[in-house]
Amino acid sequence: QVQLVESGGGLVQSGGSLRLSCAASGIIVTINTMGWYRQAPGKQRKLVAAITGGGRLNYADSVLGRFSISRDNVKNTVYLQMNSLKPEDTAVYYCNAAQWGDVYWGQGTQVTVSS
């Protein structure tokens, strides 16, 4: 089992920045892809950004150029730097990790961007 704990959410004004962190713990052998998803009220959970163990990146079009994902494989931690935040970025952000075909989720952290 792998546990994921997110931190760094909060309330920020439009144009501001936040940095999310997600630390993995438990039985960790080789975590493959780690990523961030978000879910706004009444909408489906969608991919924001992902990074493979080899460093390959994938971003949703809506965050390209504004968000940056990175990971520290020693600390088993993934980060999401969010700049130029917009009200439409408001959502619960969930950390995601895959290991040996199993997928794990964090509890989510709220990000609210005021206009």
N, C-alpha and C. Protein backbone atom coordinates (compact mmCIF):
# COMPACT_ATOMS: atom_id res chain seq x y z
N GLN A 1 0.83 -1.20 0.00
CA GLN A 1 0.00 0.00 0.00
C GLN A 1 0.87 1.24 0.00
N VAL A 2 0.40 2.23 -0.71
CA VAL A 2 1.07 3.52 -0.78
C VAL A 2 0.10 4.59 -0.30
N GLN A 3 0.57 5.44 0.57
CA GLN A 3 -0.24 6.55 1.05
C GLN A 3 0.31 7.85 0.45
N LEU A 4 -0.59 8.72 0.04
CA LEU A 4 -0.23 10.01 -0.54
C LEU A 4 -0.84 11.12 0.30
N VAL A 5 -0.01 12.08 0.66
CA VAL A 5 -0.48 13.21 1.47
C VAL A 5 -0.14 14.50 0.74
N GLU A 6 -1.18 15.27 0.41
CA GLU A 6 -0.99 16.54 -0.29
C GLU A 6 -0.93 17.69 0.70
N SER A 7 -0.28 18.76 0.27
CA SER A 7 -0.27 19.98 1.04
C SER A 7 -0.04 21.15 0.08
N GLY A 8 -0.35 22.36 0.57
CA GLY A 8 -0.04 23.55 -0.20
C GLY A 8 -1.22 24.24 -0.83
N GLY A 9 -2.42 23.70 -0.70
CA GLY A 9 -3.58 24.37 -1.26
C GLY A 9 -3.94 25.61 -0.44
N GLY A 10 -4.92 26.35 -0.93
CA GLY A 10 -5.37 27.53 -0.21
C GLY A 10 -6.11 28.49 -1.11
N LEU A 11 -6.26 29.71 -0.60
CA LEU A 11 -6.96 30.78 -1.31
C LEU A 11 -5.94 31.77 -1.84
N VAL A 12 -6.06 32.12 -3.11
CA VAL A 12 -5.13 33.05 -3.73
C VAL A 12 -5.90 33.92 -4.71
N GLN A 13 -5.40 35.12 -4.92
CA GLN A 13 -6.04 36.01 -5.89
C GLN A 13 -5.64 35.64 -7.30
N SER A 14 -6.47 36.02 -8.23
CA SER A 14 -6.17 35.79 -9.65
C SER A 14 -4.81 36.39 -10.00
N GLY A 15 -4.00 35.62 -10.73
CA GLY A 15 -2.65 36.03 -11.07
C GLY A 15 -1.60 35.58 -10.09
N GLY A 16 -2.03 35.04 -8.97
CA GLY A 16 -1.10 34.60 -7.93
C GLY A 16 -0.54 33.21 -8.20
N SER A 17 0.22 32.73 -7.22
CA SER A 17 0.89 31.44 -7.37
C SER A 17 0.68 30.59 -6.12
N LEU A 18 0.71 29.29 -6.33
CA LEU A 18 0.70 28.32 -5.25
C LEU A 18 1.59 27.15 -5.64
N ARG A 19 2.11 26.47 -4.64
CA ARG A 19 2.90 25.26 -4.89
C ARG A 19 2.31 24.12 -4.08
N LEU A 20 1.90 23.09 -4.78
CA LEU A 20 1.37 21.89 -4.13
C LEU A 20 2.47 20.85 -3.99
N SER A 21 2.41 20.11 -2.91
CA SER A 21 3.34 19.01 -2.68
C SER A 21 2.55 17.75 -2.37
N CYS A 22 3.11 16.62 -2.74
CA CYS A 22 2.49 15.33 -2.44
C CYS A 22 3.59 14.34 -2.10
N ALA A 23 3.55 13.87 -0.86
CA ALA A 23 4.56 12.93 -0.40
C ALA A 23 3.98 11.53 -0.33
N ALA A 24 4.71 10.59 -0.90
CA ALA A 24 4.29 9.19 -0.88
C ALA A 24 5.03 8.45 0.23
N SER A 25 4.30 7.56 0.89
CA SER A 25 4.91 6.74 1.94
C SER A 25 4.27 5.35 1.90
N GLY A 26 4.83 4.45 2.67
CA GLY A 26 4.31 3.09 2.70
C GLY A 26 5.26 2.14 2.00
N ILE A 27 4.68 1.15 1.33
CA ILE A 27 5.49 0.14 0.64
C ILE A 27 5.80 0.67 -0.76
N ILE A 28 6.97 1.27 -0.88
CA ILE A 28 7.37 1.89 -2.14
C ILE A 28 8.55 1.14 -2.71
N VAL A 29 8.37 0.63 -3.90
CA VAL A 29 9.46 -0.05 -4.60
C VAL A 29 9.86 0.79 -5.81
N THR A 30 8.96 0.93 -6.71
CA THR A 30 9.20 1.78 -7.89
C THR A 30 7.89 2.45 -8.28
N ILE A 31 7.75 3.70 -7.91
CA ILE A 31 6.58 4.45 -8.35
C ILE A 31 6.81 4.93 -9.77
N ASN A 32 5.94 4.57 -10.64
CA ASN A 32 6.07 4.96 -12.04
C ASN A 32 5.59 6.40 -12.22
N THR A 33 4.43 6.58 -12.73
CA THR A 33 3.94 7.92 -12.99
C THR A 33 3.33 8.53 -11.73
N MET A 34 3.64 9.78 -11.50
CA MET A 34 2.98 10.57 -10.46
C MET A 34 2.34 11.76 -11.15
N GLY A 35 1.22 12.16 -10.62
CA GLY A 35 0.53 13.26 -11.29
C GLY A 35 -0.44 13.99 -10.41
N TRP A 36 -1.02 15.02 -10.98
CA TRP A 36 -2.04 15.82 -10.31
C TRP A 36 -3.29 15.86 -11.18
N TYR A 37 -4.41 15.67 -10.53
CA TYR A 37 -5.71 15.81 -11.16
C TYR A 37 -6.49 16.86 -10.39
N ARG A 38 -7.54 17.37 -10.99
CA ARG A 38 -8.39 18.31 -10.28
C ARG A 38 -9.84 18.07 -10.62
N GLN A 39 -10.68 18.43 -9.66
CA GLN A 39 -12.12 18.25 -9.84
C GLN A 39 -12.84 19.48 -9.32
N ALA A 40 -13.49 20.17 -10.23
CA ALA A 40 -14.29 21.32 -9.86
C ALA A 40 -15.71 20.85 -9.52
N PRO A 41 -16.46 21.63 -8.76
CA PRO A 41 -17.82 21.23 -8.38
C PRO A 41 -18.69 20.90 -9.59
N GLY A 42 -19.30 19.74 -9.57
CA GLY A 42 -20.19 19.35 -10.65
C GLY A 42 -19.51 18.87 -11.91
N LYS A 43 -18.18 18.74 -11.85
CA LYS A 43 -17.44 18.33 -13.05
C LYS A 43 -16.63 17.06 -12.77
N GLN A 44 -16.18 16.43 -13.84
CA GLN A 44 -15.37 15.22 -13.71
C GLN A 44 -13.94 15.56 -13.31
N ARG A 45 -13.30 14.61 -12.67
CA ARG A 45 -11.90 14.75 -12.32
C ARG A 45 -11.08 14.64 -13.61
N LYS A 46 -10.15 15.59 -13.77
CA LYS A 46 -9.36 15.63 -15.00
C LYS A 46 -7.87 15.76 -14.69
N LEU A 47 -7.06 15.23 -15.59
CA LEU A 47 -5.62 15.33 -15.45
C LEU A 47 -5.17 16.78 -15.59
N VAL A 48 -4.28 17.19 -14.70
CA VAL A 48 -3.65 18.50 -14.80
C VAL A 48 -2.23 18.34 -15.34
N ALA A 49 -1.46 17.47 -14.72
CA ALA A 49 -0.08 17.25 -15.13
C ALA A 49 0.40 15.92 -14.58
N ALA A 50 1.33 15.31 -15.30
CA ALA A 50 1.88 14.04 -14.86
C ALA A 50 3.35 13.97 -15.24
N ILE A 51 4.09 13.16 -14.48
CA ILE A 51 5.51 12.99 -14.75
C ILE A 51 5.87 11.52 -14.51
N THR A 52 6.56 10.92 -15.46
CA THR A 52 6.95 9.53 -15.32
C THR A 52 8.24 9.42 -14.49
N GLY A 53 8.60 8.21 -14.16
CA GLY A 53 9.84 8.00 -13.43
C GLY A 53 11.06 8.46 -14.20
N GLY A 54 10.95 8.43 -15.53
CA GLY A 54 12.05 8.88 -16.37
C GLY A 54 12.03 10.35 -16.67
N GLY A 55 11.01 11.05 -16.16
CA GLY A 55 10.95 12.49 -16.32
C GLY A 55 10.11 12.99 -17.48
N ARG A 56 9.38 12.09 -18.15
CA ARG A 56 8.52 12.54 -19.25
C ARG A 56 7.33 13.29 -18.66
N LEU A 57 7.01 14.43 -19.28
CA LEU A 57 5.97 15.32 -18.76
C LEU A 57 4.73 15.29 -19.65
N ASN A 58 3.60 15.53 -19.01
CA ASN A 58 2.34 15.63 -19.73
C ASN A 58 1.50 16.67 -19.02
N TYR A 59 0.97 17.63 -19.78
CA TYR A 59 0.17 18.71 -19.21
C TYR A 59 -1.16 18.83 -19.94
N ALA A 60 -2.17 19.22 -19.20
CA ALA A 60 -3.43 19.60 -19.82
C ALA A 60 -3.20 20.91 -20.58
N ASP A 61 -3.87 21.07 -21.69
CA ASP A 61 -3.69 22.28 -22.51
C ASP A 61 -3.99 23.54 -21.71
N SER A 62 -4.94 23.45 -20.80
CA SER A 62 -5.39 24.64 -20.07
C SER A 62 -4.34 25.18 -19.10
N VAL A 63 -3.32 24.38 -18.78
CA VAL A 63 -2.33 24.84 -17.81
C VAL A 63 -0.94 24.99 -18.43
N LEU A 64 -0.80 24.69 -19.70
CA LEU A 64 0.49 24.80 -20.36
C LEU A 64 1.04 26.21 -20.24
N GLY A 65 2.31 26.30 -19.85
CA GLY A 65 2.96 27.59 -19.70
C GLY A 65 2.72 28.26 -18.37
N ARG A 66 1.80 27.72 -17.58
CA ARG A 66 1.49 28.32 -16.27
C ARG A 66 1.86 27.39 -15.11
N PHE A 67 1.66 26.11 -15.31
CA PHE A 67 1.95 25.12 -14.27
C PHE A 67 3.19 24.32 -14.63
N SER A 68 3.88 23.86 -13.59
CA SER A 68 5.07 23.04 -13.80
C SER A 68 5.10 21.91 -12.79
N ILE A 69 5.25 20.68 -13.27
CA ILE A 69 5.31 19.52 -12.39
C ILE A 69 6.74 19.05 -12.27
N SER A 70 7.11 18.60 -11.08
CA SER A 70 8.44 18.04 -10.86
C SER A 70 8.35 16.98 -9.78
N ARG A 71 9.39 16.18 -9.66
CA ARG A 71 9.37 15.16 -8.62
C ARG A 71 10.77 14.94 -8.07
N ASP A 72 10.81 14.53 -6.82
CA ASP A 72 12.05 14.17 -6.14
C ASP A 72 11.95 12.68 -5.84
N ASN A 73 12.67 11.87 -6.59
CA ASN A 73 12.55 10.42 -6.45
C ASN A 73 13.15 9.91 -5.15
N VAL A 74 14.06 10.66 -4.57
CA VAL A 74 14.63 10.26 -3.28
C VAL A 74 13.59 10.46 -2.17
N LYS A 75 12.89 11.55 -2.23
CA LYS A 75 11.87 11.86 -1.23
C LYS A 75 10.51 11.29 -1.59
N ASN A 76 10.39 10.70 -2.78
CA ASN A 76 9.09 10.18 -3.25
C ASN A 76 8.02 11.26 -3.17
N THR A 77 8.37 12.43 -3.66
CA THR A 77 7.48 13.58 -3.57
C THR A 77 7.32 14.20 -4.96
N VAL A 78 6.10 14.60 -5.26
CA VAL A 78 5.82 15.30 -6.51
C VAL A 78 5.30 16.69 -6.18
N TYR A 79 5.66 17.65 -7.00
CA TYR A 79 5.29 19.05 -6.78
C TYR A 79 4.53 19.58 -7.99
N LEU A 80 3.69 20.56 -7.72
CA LEU A 80 3.01 21.27 -8.80
C LEU A 80 3.11 22.76 -8.51
N GLN A 81 3.94 23.43 -9.29
CA GLN A 81 4.06 24.88 -9.19
C GLN A 81 3.01 25.51 -10.10
N MET A 82 2.14 26.30 -9.52
CA MET A 82 1.05 26.90 -10.27
C MET A 82 1.20 28.42 -10.26
N ASN A 83 1.42 28.98 -11.43
CA ASN A 83 1.58 30.42 -11.59
C ASN A 83 0.44 30.99 -12.43
N SER A 84 0.28 32.28 -12.38
CA SER A 84 -0.75 32.97 -13.17
C SER A 84 -2.10 32.29 -12.99
N LEU A 85 -2.45 32.04 -11.76
CA LEU A 85 -3.69 31.31 -11.48
C LEU A 85 -4.91 32.11 -11.91
N LYS A 86 -5.91 31.37 -12.36
CA LYS A 86 -7.16 31.96 -12.83
C LYS A 86 -8.32 31.41 -12.00
N PRO A 87 -9.42 32.12 -11.94
CA PRO A 87 -10.58 31.59 -11.19
C PRO A 87 -11.01 30.20 -11.67
N GLU A 88 -10.85 29.93 -12.94
CA GLU A 88 -11.23 28.61 -13.48
C GLU A 88 -10.30 27.49 -13.03
N ASP A 89 -9.21 27.83 -12.34
CA ASP A 89 -8.34 26.81 -11.76
C ASP A 89 -8.87 26.33 -10.41
N THR A 90 -9.91 26.98 -9.91
CA THR A 90 -10.49 26.59 -8.63
C THR A 90 -11.01 25.16 -8.70
N ALA A 91 -10.55 24.33 -7.76
CA ALA A 91 -10.93 22.92 -7.75
C ALA A 91 -10.27 22.25 -6.54
N VAL A 92 -10.66 21.01 -6.31
CA VAL A 92 -9.91 20.15 -5.40
C VAL A 92 -8.84 19.45 -6.24
N TYR A 93 -7.61 19.55 -5.80
CA TYR A 93 -6.50 18.95 -6.51
C TYR A 93 -6.10 17.64 -5.82
N TYR A 94 -5.99 16.59 -6.61
CA TYR A 94 -5.67 15.27 -6.09
C TYR A 94 -4.34 14.78 -6.65
N CYS A 95 -3.54 14.22 -5.76
CA CYS A 95 -2.29 13.59 -6.16
C CYS A 95 -2.58 12.15 -6.56
N ASN A 96 -1.81 11.65 -7.50
CA ASN A 96 -2.02 10.31 -8.04
C ASN A 96 -0.67 9.65 -8.26
N ALA A 97 -0.60 8.36 -7.94
CA ALA A 97 0.65 7.64 -8.17
C ALA A 97 0.34 6.21 -8.61
N ALA A 98 1.18 5.69 -9.48
CA ALA A 98 0.99 4.34 -9.99
C ALA A 98 2.22 3.51 -9.68
N GLN A 99 1.95 2.30 -9.15
CA GLN A 99 3.05 1.38 -8.84
C GLN A 99 2.57 -0.04 -9.12
N TRP A 100 3.28 -0.73 -10.01
CA TRP A 100 2.97 -2.12 -10.32
C TRP A 100 1.52 -2.34 -10.71
N GLY A 101 0.98 -1.41 -11.44
CA GLY A 101 -0.38 -1.55 -11.92
C GLY A 101 -1.44 -1.07 -10.96
N ASP A 102 -1.06 -0.75 -9.75
CA ASP A 102 -2.01 -0.20 -8.78
C ASP A 102 -1.95 1.32 -8.82
N VAL A 103 -3.10 1.93 -8.62
CA VAL A 103 -3.20 3.39 -8.65
C VAL A 103 -3.65 3.88 -7.28
N TYR A 104 -2.99 4.89 -6.80
CA TYR A 104 -3.27 5.45 -5.48
C TYR A 104 -3.63 6.92 -5.60
N TRP A 105 -4.49 7.38 -4.67
CA TRP A 105 -4.95 8.77 -4.66
C TRP A 105 -4.74 9.38 -3.28
N GLY A 106 -4.44 10.66 -3.29
CA GLY A 106 -4.42 11.41 -2.05
C GLY A 106 -5.82 11.85 -1.68
N GLN A 107 -5.92 12.54 -0.56
CA GLN A 107 -7.24 12.95 -0.06
C GLN A 107 -7.73 14.23 -0.72
N GLY A 108 -6.86 14.92 -1.39
CA GLY A 108 -7.24 16.15 -2.09
C GLY A 108 -6.93 17.39 -1.28
N THR A 109 -6.63 18.46 -1.97
CA THR A 109 -6.41 19.76 -1.33
C THR A 109 -7.12 20.83 -2.15
N GLN A 110 -7.81 21.71 -1.46
CA GLN A 110 -8.63 22.72 -2.12
C GLN A 110 -7.76 23.89 -2.58
N VAL A 111 -7.95 24.27 -3.82
CA VAL A 111 -7.34 25.48 -4.38
C VAL A 111 -8.47 26.39 -4.82
N THR A 112 -8.50 27.60 -4.28
CA THR A 112 -9.52 28.57 -4.63
C THR A 112 -8.85 29.84 -5.13
N VAL A 113 -9.23 30.25 -6.33
CA VAL A 113 -8.66 31.46 -6.94
C VAL A 113 -9.77 32.50 -7.04
N SER A 114 -9.59 33.60 -6.36
CA SER A 114 -10.60 34.67 -6.38
C SER A 114 -10.30 35.65 -7.50
N SER A 115 -11.36 36.21 -8.04
CA SER A 115 -11.20 37.16 -9.16
C SER A 115 -11.05 38.57 -8.67
